Every structure is written in C-alpha cells, then in structure tokens.
Amino acid sequence: MEVRILHISDVHCADHMLEPLLRGEEYDVLVVSGDLECTSTARLLATTSRAPVLAVTGNLDTWRVRDELERLGMLLDGRTARLLGYVFAGVGGLETEEDLDNVDRTLFHILVSHHPPMGILDKGYYGRGGLARIRRLIEEKKPLLHMFGHIHEARGVEEQGNTVFVNPGPLRDGYYAVVRVTDKGVGAKLKHIYSF
C-alpha cells in the first residue's frame, strides 16, 4: 500500500499559499512541521484539507496556535497517531524536551518534528541548528522517515541508514514536499507551489 504525504513547514501566516496547494496536490495525509504562527492557518488547514492533518508546533508558534491545533484534532506534539498503517510520532517546538521524553517511550515509523537532527539538513546562515537529542532518537528508533523544517536554507532530502530525512523548505516562500511511503521504501520530491 502506498501512502502519499503532503509535507509543509514554516507557513509563517502565509495563508494565501494553502488553498492552491491543498487543492492542487493529491495526498492521503497532510503533515505540518510547525511555525504556522497564526491561528487562522490552523483553521484553514482544518477546513481546506481533503485528508487528515497531523501538525507539530514550531519555536515561533504561540500557545494559542497550539491550543487551536489541539481543538481541531491535529496536534501531534509529544504523541503518536496510527494512520494508514503507519505510526507517526511528533516533537514540537514549544516543549521539545518533554515531547522527546514522551515519544522516546514509543515505537513509530515516521517522526515529525520542527527541529532537524544535529548534522542532517541543519546548516543555516549562522551555523548548524539541529538538535543532538533528536539525532540520538533517530539513531535508536531507526524510523523510515523523519520530516521537519525550521532551517529555511537547509531545504533538501537526505538518506542515512534506514531513514529518509525531508526538509521541504518554508511554505511562506512556496516550498513543500510530496513523500511516498510504501512497503518497498520512501521516496520524496521537493516542489514549489508555482510549478503545478
């Protein structure tokens, strides 16, 4: 069975990017890696997406954004969700250490976080911004896929060991990714909203 994931991150209140994207792509689940920044973004995701939405908070999100994601049933911070045969785990940007404590006790196939792991797609203008503890979690759990954002300049797809890493880049600038997960592996394609 193939699962097609539409992966976005770092929306930064650019709600005008969402509707054409969500109507223009085919997907089975929408994954959001944080930094929505506006509660209107969470509401728009809930009303526009044709598929389930799983979202983690980012370091620039407020507790109001987190509460709105919770109210809408999309919040994945510090939790797991079984969807389409896979277990997704989430590590948000507001209570990262607590979220890591929670997901460290579980088994999962796919990790969604705001921050990247240290040393993988984490090089920004001011140096590396990945977290060592997320890297250790990946090395221990060996998920199929890790989706994240945060470092806008580190957009890319990388494979190490059993895990494919995807940073789609900021949706604010039109960037996103489409990820296909099958029993044969994971494939990811970076895209731009104006390339439909």
C-alpha atoms as a PDB file:
ATOM      1  CA  MET A   1       0.000   0.000   0.000  1.00  0.00           C
ATOM      2  CA  GLU A   2       1.274   3.455  -0.904  1.00  0.00           C
ATOM      3  CA  VAL A   3       0.734   6.458   1.356  1.00  0.00           C
ATOM      4  CA  ARG A   4       1.223   9.881  -0.209  1.00  0.00           C
ATOM      5  CA  ILE A   5       2.175  12.572   2.320  1.00  0.00           C
ATOM      6  CA  LEU A   6       1.988  16.271   1.572  1.00  0.00           C
ATOM      7  CA  HIS A   7       4.617  17.857   3.822  1.00  0.00           C
ATOM      8  CA  ILE A   8       4.701  21.574   4.622  1.00  0.00           C
ATOM      9  CA  SER A   9       6.579  23.617   7.202  1.00  0.00           C
ATOM     10  CA  ASP A  10       7.218  27.206   8.235  1.00  0.00           C
ATOM     11  CA  VAL A  11       3.997  28.708   6.911  1.00  0.00           C
ATOM     12  CA  HIS A  12       4.545  31.934   8.905  1.00  0.00           C
ATOM     13  CA  CYS A  13       0.928  33.107   8.405  1.00  0.00           C
ATOM     14  CA  ALA A  14       1.125  32.830   4.580  1.00  0.00           C
ATOM     15  CA  ASP A  15      -2.443  31.511   4.420  1.00  0.00           C
ATOM     16  CA  HIS A  16      -2.766  32.532   0.749  1.00  0.00           C
ATOM     17  CA  MET A  17      -0.342  29.697  -0.135  1.00  0.00           C
ATOM     18  CA  LEU A  18      -2.500  26.982   1.393  1.00  0.00           C
ATOM     19  CA  GLU A  19      -5.639  26.836  -0.717  1.00  0.00           C
ATOM     20  CA  PRO A  20      -3.993  26.434  -4.160  1.00  0.00           C
ATOM     21  CA  LEU A  21      -1.599  23.850  -2.752  1.00  0.00           C
ATOM     22  CA  LEU A  22      -4.206  21.798  -0.924  1.00  0.00           C
ATOM     23  CA  ARG A  23      -6.482  21.802  -3.981  1.00  0.00           C
ATOM     24  CA  GLY A  24      -3.665  21.199  -6.484  1.00  0.00           C
ATOM     25  CA  GLU A  25      -1.947  18.139  -4.980  1.00  0.00           C
ATOM     26  CA  GLU A  26      -3.219  14.620  -4.356  1.00  0.00           C
ATOM     27  CA  TYR A  27      -2.367  13.319  -0.879  1.00  0.00           C
ATOM     28  CA  ASP A  28      -3.534  10.861   1.796  1.00  0.00           C
ATOM     29  CA  VAL A  29      -2.288  12.837   4.802  1.00  0.00           C
ATOM     30  CA  LEU A  30      -1.067  16.400   5.325  1.00  0.00           C
ATOM     31  CA  VAL A  31       1.907  16.799   7.689  1.00  0.00           C
ATOM     32  CA  VAL A  32       2.826  20.229   9.061  1.00  0.00           C
ATOM     33  CA  SER A  33       6.233  20.691  10.741  1.00  0.00           C
ATOM     34  CA  GLY A  34       5.468  23.838  12.713  1.00  0.00           C
ATOM     35  CA  ASP A  35       5.780  27.598  12.630  1.00  0.00           C
ATOM     36  CA  LEU A  36       2.230  28.235  11.481  1.00  0.00           C
ATOM     37  CA  GLU A  37       2.330  31.411  13.642  1.00  0.00           C
ATOM     38  CA  CYS A  38      -1.367  32.261  13.050  1.00  0.00           C
ATOM     39  CA  THR A  39      -4.458  30.517  14.428  1.00  0.00           C
ATOM     40  CA  SER A  40      -6.138  31.314  11.094  1.00  0.00           C
ATOM     41  CA  THR A  41      -3.641  28.928   9.450  1.00  0.00           C
ATOM     42  CA  ALA A  42      -4.731  26.062  11.698  1.00  0.00           C
ATOM     43  CA  ARG A  43      -8.401  26.748  10.933  1.00  0.00           C
ATOM     44  CA  LEU A  44      -7.713  26.949   7.195  1.00  0.00           C
ATOM     45  CA  LEU A  45      -5.900  23.607   7.286  1.00  0.00           C
ATOM     46  CA  ALA A  46      -8.900  22.035   9.003  1.00  0.00           C
ATOM     47  CA  THR A  47     -11.440  23.410   6.527  1.00  0.00           C
ATOM     48  CA  THR A  48      -9.441  23.065   3.295  1.00  0.00           C
ATOM     49  CA  SER A  49      -7.535  19.774   3.583  1.00  0.00           C
ATOM     50  CA  ARG A  50      -9.182  16.790   1.896  1.00  0.00           C
ATOM     51  CA  ALA A  51      -7.245  14.386   4.127  1.00  0.00           C
ATOM     52  CA  PRO A  52      -6.280  14.033   7.803  1.00  0.00           C
ATOM     53  CA  VAL A  53      -3.861  16.667   9.131  1.00  0.00           C
ATOM     54  CA  LEU A  54      -1.059  15.978  11.631  1.00  0.00           C
ATOM     55  CA  ALA A  55       0.807  19.030  12.915  1.00  0.00           C
ATOM     56  CA  VAL A  56       3.525  19.891  15.402  1.00  0.00           C
ATOM     57  CA  THR A  57       4.207  23.352  16.771  1.00  0.00           C
ATOM     58  CA  GLY A  58       7.267  25.353  15.890  1.00  0.00           C
ATOM     59  CA  ASN A  59       9.502  27.536  18.015  1.00  0.00           C
ATOM     60  CA  LEU A  60       7.693  30.664  16.760  1.00  0.00           C
ATOM     61  CA  ASP A  61       4.201  29.324  17.460  1.00  0.00           C
ATOM     62  CA  THR A  62       2.283  30.577  20.466  1.00  0.00           C
ATOM     63  CA  TRP A  63       0.239  28.616  22.961  1.00  0.00           C
ATOM     64  CA  ARG A  64      -2.848  29.971  21.154  1.00  0.00           C
ATOM     65  CA  VAL A  65      -1.710  28.195  17.988  1.00  0.00           C
ATOM     66  CA  ARG A  66      -1.037  25.007  19.958  1.00  0.00           C
ATOM     67  CA  ASP A  67      -4.476  25.175  21.594  1.00  0.00           C
ATOM     68  CA  GLU A  68      -6.143  25.700  18.209  1.00  0.00           C
ATOM     69  CA  LEU A  69      -4.338  22.672  16.745  1.00  0.00           C
ATOM     70  CA  GLU A  70      -5.460  20.682  19.798  1.00  0.00           C
ATOM     71  CA  ARG A  71      -9.070  21.858  19.469  1.00  0.00           C
ATOM     72  CA  LEU A  72      -9.113  20.903  15.788  1.00  0.00           C
ATOM     73  CA  GLY A  73      -7.712  17.410  16.499  1.00  0.00           C
ATOM     74  CA  MET A  74      -4.460  17.918  14.549  1.00  0.00           C
ATOM     75  CA  LEU A  75      -1.858  18.310  17.314  1.00  0.00           C
ATOM     76  CA  LEU A  76       0.914  15.670  17.345  1.00  0.00           C
ATOM     77  CA  ASP A  77       3.288  17.264  19.923  1.00  0.00           C
ATOM     78  CA  GLY A  78       4.561  14.541  22.265  1.00  0.00           C
ATOM     79  CA  ARG A  79       2.110  11.973  20.879  1.00  0.00           C
ATOM     80  CA  THR A  80       1.718   9.209  18.360  1.00  0.00           C
ATOM     81  CA  ALA A  81      -1.041   8.621  15.849  1.00  0.00           C
ATOM     82  CA  ARG A  82      -1.715   5.497  13.802  1.00  0.00           C
ATOM     83  CA  LEU A  83      -2.793   6.439  10.318  1.00  0.00           C
ATOM     84  CA  LEU A  84      -2.954   4.434   7.081  1.00  0.00           C
ATOM     85  CA  GLY A  85      -0.908   1.595   8.562  1.00  0.00           C
ATOM     86  CA  TYR A  86       1.919   3.749   9.944  1.00  0.00           C
ATOM     87  CA  VAL A  87       2.624   5.196  13.383  1.00  0.00           C
ATOM     88  CA  PHE A  88       3.519   8.902  13.331  1.00  0.00           C
ATOM     89  CA  ALA A  89       5.264  10.488  16.336  1.00  0.00           C
ATOM     90  CA  GLY A  90       5.532  14.220  16.958  1.00  0.00           C
ATOM     91  CA  VAL A  91       8.071  16.525  18.602  1.00  0.00           C
ATOM     92  CA  GLY A  92       7.002  20.159  18.643  1.00  0.00           C
ATOM     93  CA  GLY A  93       8.971  23.336  19.077  1.00  0.00           C
ATOM     94  CA  LEU A  94       7.301  24.617  22.249  1.00  0.00           C
ATOM     95  CA  GLU A  95       8.074  21.806  24.715  1.00  0.00           C
ATOM     96  CA  THR A  96      10.687  19.908  22.759  1.00  0.00           C
ATOM     97  CA  GLU A  97      12.314  18.105  25.705  1.00  0.00           C
ATOM     98  CA  GLU A  98       9.000  16.955  27.163  1.00  0.00           C
ATOM     99  CA  ASP A  99       7.819  15.814  23.728  1.00  0.00           C
ATOM    100  CA  LEU A 100      11.049  13.866  23.258  1.00  0.00           C
ATOM    101  CA  ASP A 101      10.546  12.203  26.648  1.00  0.00           C
ATOM    102  CA  ASN A 102       7.067  11.097  25.569  1.00  0.00           C
ATOM    103  CA  VAL A 103       7.898   9.758  22.113  1.00  0.00           C
ATOM    104  CA  ASP A 104      11.101   8.097  23.352  1.00  0.00           C
ATOM    105  CA  ARG A 105       8.849   5.555  25.104  1.00  0.00           C
ATOM    106  CA  THR A 106       7.088   4.523  21.888  1.00  0.00           C
ATOM    107  CA  LEU A 107       7.743   2.756  18.617  1.00  0.00           C
ATOM    108  CA  PHE A 108       6.978   4.620  15.412  1.00  0.00           C
ATOM    109  CA  HIS A 109       7.607   4.502  11.667  1.00  0.00           C
ATOM    110  CA  ILE A 110       7.575   8.236  10.949  1.00  0.00           C
ATOM    111  CA  LEU A 111       8.880  11.126  13.064  1.00  0.00           C
ATOM    112  CA  VAL A 112       7.550  14.651  12.591  1.00  0.00           C
ATOM    113  CA  SER A 113       9.424  17.441  14.362  1.00  0.00           C
ATOM    114  CA  HIS A 114      10.025  21.125  13.936  1.00  0.00           C
ATOM    115  CA  HIS A 115      13.771  20.991  14.577  1.00  0.00           C
ATOM    116  CA  PRO A 116      16.121  18.851  12.472  1.00  0.00           C
ATOM    117  CA  PRO A 117      18.515  16.315  13.930  1.00  0.00           C
ATOM    118  CA  MET A 118      22.034  17.582  14.507  1.00  0.00           C
ATOM    119  CA  GLY A 119      24.174  17.241  11.389  1.00  0.00           C
ATOM    120  CA  ILE A 120      21.388  16.443   8.903  1.00  0.00           C
ATOM    121  CA  LEU A 121      19.854  19.220   6.770  1.00  0.00           C
ATOM    122  CA  ASP A 122      20.509  21.643   9.619  1.00  0.00           C
ATOM    123  CA  LYS A 123      23.048  24.119   8.208  1.00  0.00           C
ATOM    124  CA  GLY A 124      21.727  27.676   8.221  1.00  0.00           C
ATOM    125  CA  TYR A 125      23.276  31.070   7.608  1.00  0.00           C
ATOM    126  CA  TYR A 126      24.526  31.211  11.207  1.00  0.00           C
ATOM    127  CA  GLY A 127      25.771  27.648  11.581  1.00  0.00           C
ATOM    128  CA  ARG A 128      24.111  24.348  12.408  1.00  0.00           C
ATOM    129  CA  GLY A 129      20.730  24.331  14.155  1.00  0.00           C
ATOM    130  CA  GLY A 130      19.955  20.637  14.617  1.00  0.00           C
ATOM    131  CA  LEU A 131      19.331  19.026  17.992  1.00  0.00           C
ATOM    132  CA  ALA A 132      21.582  16.256  19.335  1.00  0.00           C
ATOM    133  CA  ARG A 133      18.739  14.616  21.219  1.00  0.00           C
ATOM    134  CA  ILE A 134      16.637  14.280  18.061  1.00  0.00           C
ATOM    135  CA  ARG A 135      19.664  12.722  16.326  1.00  0.00           C
ATOM    136  CA  ARG A 136      20.015  10.195  19.181  1.00  0.00           C
ATOM    137  CA  LEU A 137      16.286   9.369  18.966  1.00  0.00           C
ATOM    138  CA  ILE A 138      16.619   8.688  15.223  1.00  0.00           C
ATOM    139  CA  GLU A 139      19.690   6.517  15.750  1.00  0.00           C
ATOM    140  CA  GLU A 140      17.915   4.488  18.428  1.00  0.00           C
ATOM    141  CA  LYS A 141      14.464   4.104  16.841  1.00  0.00           C
ATOM    142  CA  LYS A 142      15.543   3.960  13.167  1.00  0.00           C
ATOM    143  CA  PRO A 143      12.273   5.246  11.665  1.00  0.00           C
ATOM    144  CA  LEU A 144      11.570   5.014   7.932  1.00  0.00           C
ATOM    145  CA  LEU A 145      11.087   8.753   7.623  1.00  0.00           C
ATOM    146  CA  HIS A 146      11.825  11.969   9.527  1.00  0.00           C
ATOM    147  CA  MET A 147      10.044  15.163   8.366  1.00  0.00           C
ATOM    148  CA  PHE A 148      10.998  18.565   9.791  1.00  0.00           C
ATOM    149  CA  GLY A 149      11.585  22.226   8.904  1.00  0.00           C
ATOM    150  CA  HIS A 150      12.926  25.162  10.943  1.00  0.00           C
ATOM    151  CA  ILE A 151      16.131  25.792   8.958  1.00  0.00           C
ATOM    152  CA  HIS A 152      14.778  27.509   5.841  1.00  0.00           C
ATOM    153  CA  GLU A 153      18.103  27.387   3.979  1.00  0.00           C
ATOM    154  CA  ALA A 154      18.571  23.629   4.519  1.00  0.00           C
ATOM    155  CA  ARG A 155      15.786  22.507   2.198  1.00  0.00           C
ATOM    156  CA  GLY A 156      16.523  19.011   0.952  1.00  0.00           C
ATOM    157  CA  VAL A 157      16.185  15.243   1.080  1.00  0.00           C
ATOM    158  CA  GLU A 158      18.871  13.033   2.566  1.00  0.00           C
ATOM    159  CA  GLU A 159      19.118   9.338   3.383  1.00  0.00           C
ATOM    160  CA  GLN A 160      21.213   7.901   6.188  1.00  0.00           C
ATOM    161  CA  GLY A 161      20.934   4.307   7.291  1.00  0.00           C
ATOM    162  CA  ASN A 162      17.301   3.213   7.239  1.00  0.00           C
ATOM    163  CA  THR A 163      15.883   6.742   7.454  1.00  0.00           C
ATOM    164  CA  VAL A 164      14.934   9.306   4.807  1.00  0.00           C
ATOM    165  CA  PHE A 165      15.096  12.912   6.040  1.00  0.00           C
ATOM    166  CA  VAL A 166      12.975  15.663   4.467  1.00  0.00           C
ATOM    167  CA  ASN A 167      13.058  19.420   5.000  1.00  0.00           C
ATOM    168  CA  PRO A 168      10.570  20.853   2.472  1.00  0.00           C
ATOM    169  CA  GLY A 169      11.672  24.464   2.964  1.00  0.00           C
ATOM    170  CA  PRO A 170       9.317  27.250   4.039  1.00  0.00           C
ATOM    171  CA  LEU A 171       5.812  27.235   2.579  1.00  0.00           C
ATOM    172  CA  ARG A 172       5.916  31.006   3.096  1.00  0.00           C
ATOM    173  CA  ASP A 173       8.244  31.020   0.068  1.00  0.00           C
ATOM    174  CA  GLY A 174       6.183  28.452  -1.851  1.00  0.00           C
ATOM    175  CA  TYR A 175       8.199  25.339  -0.968  1.00  0.00           C
ATOM    176  CA  TYR A 176       6.803  21.936   0.025  1.00  0.00           C
ATOM    177  CA  ALA A 177       7.446  18.213  -0.454  1.00  0.00           C
ATOM    178  CA  VAL A 178       5.495  15.178  -1.557  1.00  0.00           C
ATOM    179  CA  VAL A 179       6.616  11.973   0.153  1.00  0.00           C
ATOM    180  CA  ARG A 180       5.585   8.465  -0.889  1.00  0.00           C
ATOM    181  CA  VAL A 181       5.843   5.651   1.649  1.00  0.00           C
ATOM    182  CA  THR A 182       5.438   2.044   0.516  1.00  0.00           C
ATOM    183  CA  ASP A 183       6.484  -1.357   1.783  1.00  0.00           C
ATOM    184  CA  LYS A 184       9.455  -1.016  -0.602  1.00  0.00           C
ATOM    185  CA  GLY A 185      10.738   2.256   0.856  1.00  0.00           C
ATOM    186  CA  VAL A 186      10.375   6.018   0.961  1.00  0.00           C
ATOM    187  CA  GLY A 187      10.692   8.491  -1.888  1.00  0.00           C
ATOM    188  CA  ALA A 188      10.474  12.280  -1.602  1.00  0.00           C
ATOM    189  CA  LYS A 189      10.225  15.074  -4.140  1.00  0.00           C
ATOM    190  CA  LEU A 190      10.794  18.737  -3.300  1.00  0.00           C
ATOM    191  CA  LYS A 191       8.382  21.047  -5.085  1.00  0.00           C
ATOM    192  CA  HIS A 192       7.388  24.694  -5.460  1.00  0.00           C
ATOM    193  CA  ILE A 193       3.806  25.891  -5.440  1.00  0.00           C
ATOM    194  CA  TYR A 194       4.193  27.723  -8.751  1.00  0.00           C
ATOM    195  CA  SER A 195       5.335  24.569 -10.567  1.00  0.00           C
ATOM    196  CA  PHE A 196       1.916  22.881 -10.802  1.00  0.00           C
END
